[in-house]
């Protein structure tokens, strides 16, 4: 919800303060404050961006059966 709130805020130039969770039978509503979760969402986005930019590190496990074989 905080991720979607962050996106919505960027689109509308105004971040939503709360989100609503509707659940159960009969429908119950819980109001969730989004702002306190946005910091963690931003941190997670930055970690994902960094991992995408990082070069891949490939290696072969010593127990790999293909290690040392000719490709047949």
Protein backbone atom coordinates (compact mmCIF):
# COMPACT_ATOMS: atom_id res chain seq x y z
CA UNK A 1 0.00 0.00 0.00
CA UNK A 2 2.85 2.37 0.81
CA UNK A 3 4.51 1.59 -2.55
CA UNK A 4 1.31 2.37 -4.42
CA UNK A 5 0.82 5.48 -2.32
CA UNK A 6 4.32 6.63 -3.27
CA UNK A 7 3.56 6.13 -6.98
CA UNK A 8 0.19 7.85 -6.68
CA UNK A 9 1.83 10.76 -4.86
CA UNK A 10 4.34 11.22 -7.66
CA UNK A 11 1.59 11.18 -10.27
CA UNK A 12 -0.63 13.66 -8.43
CA UNK A 13 2.07 15.76 -6.75
CA UNK A 14 0.33 15.04 -3.46
CA UNK A 15 0.97 11.95 -1.35
CA UNK A 16 -1.97 10.18 0.27
CA UNK A 17 -1.80 10.15 4.06
CA UNK A 18 -3.88 7.02 4.60
CA UNK A 19 -4.96 3.88 2.83
CA UNK A 20 -7.98 1.73 3.58
CA UNK A 21 -8.01 -2.03 4.00
CA UNK A 22 -11.44 -3.58 3.56
CA UNK A 23 -11.78 -7.14 4.84
CA UNK A 24 -14.06 -9.78 6.32
CA UNK A 25 -17.73 -10.48 6.21
CA UNK A 26 -19.38 -8.08 6.89
CA UNK A 27 -16.84 -5.71 5.35
CA UNK A 28 -14.72 -4.05 7.99
CA UNK A 29 -12.47 -1.09 7.25
CA UNK A 30 -9.06 -0.38 8.75
CA UNK A 31 -7.34 2.92 8.14
CA UNK A 32 -3.54 2.64 7.72
CA UNK A 33 -1.19 5.61 7.88
CA UNK A 34 1.03 5.35 4.79
CA UNK A 35 3.58 8.07 5.56
CA UNK A 36 5.40 6.06 8.24
CA UNK A 37 6.06 3.24 5.73
CA UNK A 38 7.22 5.38 2.79
CA UNK A 39 10.79 5.72 4.13
CA UNK A 40 11.24 1.93 4.09
CA UNK A 41 9.69 1.70 0.62
CA UNK A 42 12.15 4.29 -0.69
CA UNK A 43 15.07 2.40 0.90
CA UNK A 44 13.90 -0.83 -0.72
CA UNK A 45 13.60 0.86 -4.13
CA UNK A 46 17.18 2.17 -3.81
CA UNK A 47 18.46 -1.33 -2.91
CA UNK A 48 16.71 -2.81 -5.94
CA UNK A 49 18.17 -0.10 -8.20
CA UNK A 50 21.67 -0.76 -6.81
CA UNK A 51 21.35 -4.51 -7.34
CA UNK A 52 20.27 -3.99 -10.95
CA UNK A 53 23.32 -1.79 -11.63
CA UNK A 54 25.76 -4.18 -9.93
CA UNK A 55 27.66 -6.50 -12.29
CA UNK A 56 26.70 -10.15 -12.16
CA UNK A 57 29.17 -12.40 -10.38
CA UNK A 58 29.10 -15.84 -11.97
CA UNK A 59 30.91 -18.83 -10.55
CA UNK A 60 30.88 -22.61 -10.80
CA UNK A 61 30.48 -24.60 -7.62
CA UNK A 62 33.26 -27.10 -6.98
CA UNK A 63 30.69 -29.88 -6.78
CA UNK A 64 29.19 -29.00 -10.18
CA UNK A 65 29.13 -32.06 -12.49
CA UNK A 66 29.70 -29.93 -15.60
CA UNK A 67 32.96 -28.47 -14.30
CA UNK A 68 35.81 -29.60 -16.57
CA UNK A 69 33.58 -31.40 -19.12
CA UNK A 70 33.46 -30.71 -22.81
CA UNK A 71 30.11 -29.43 -24.01
CA UNK A 72 28.51 -32.35 -25.85
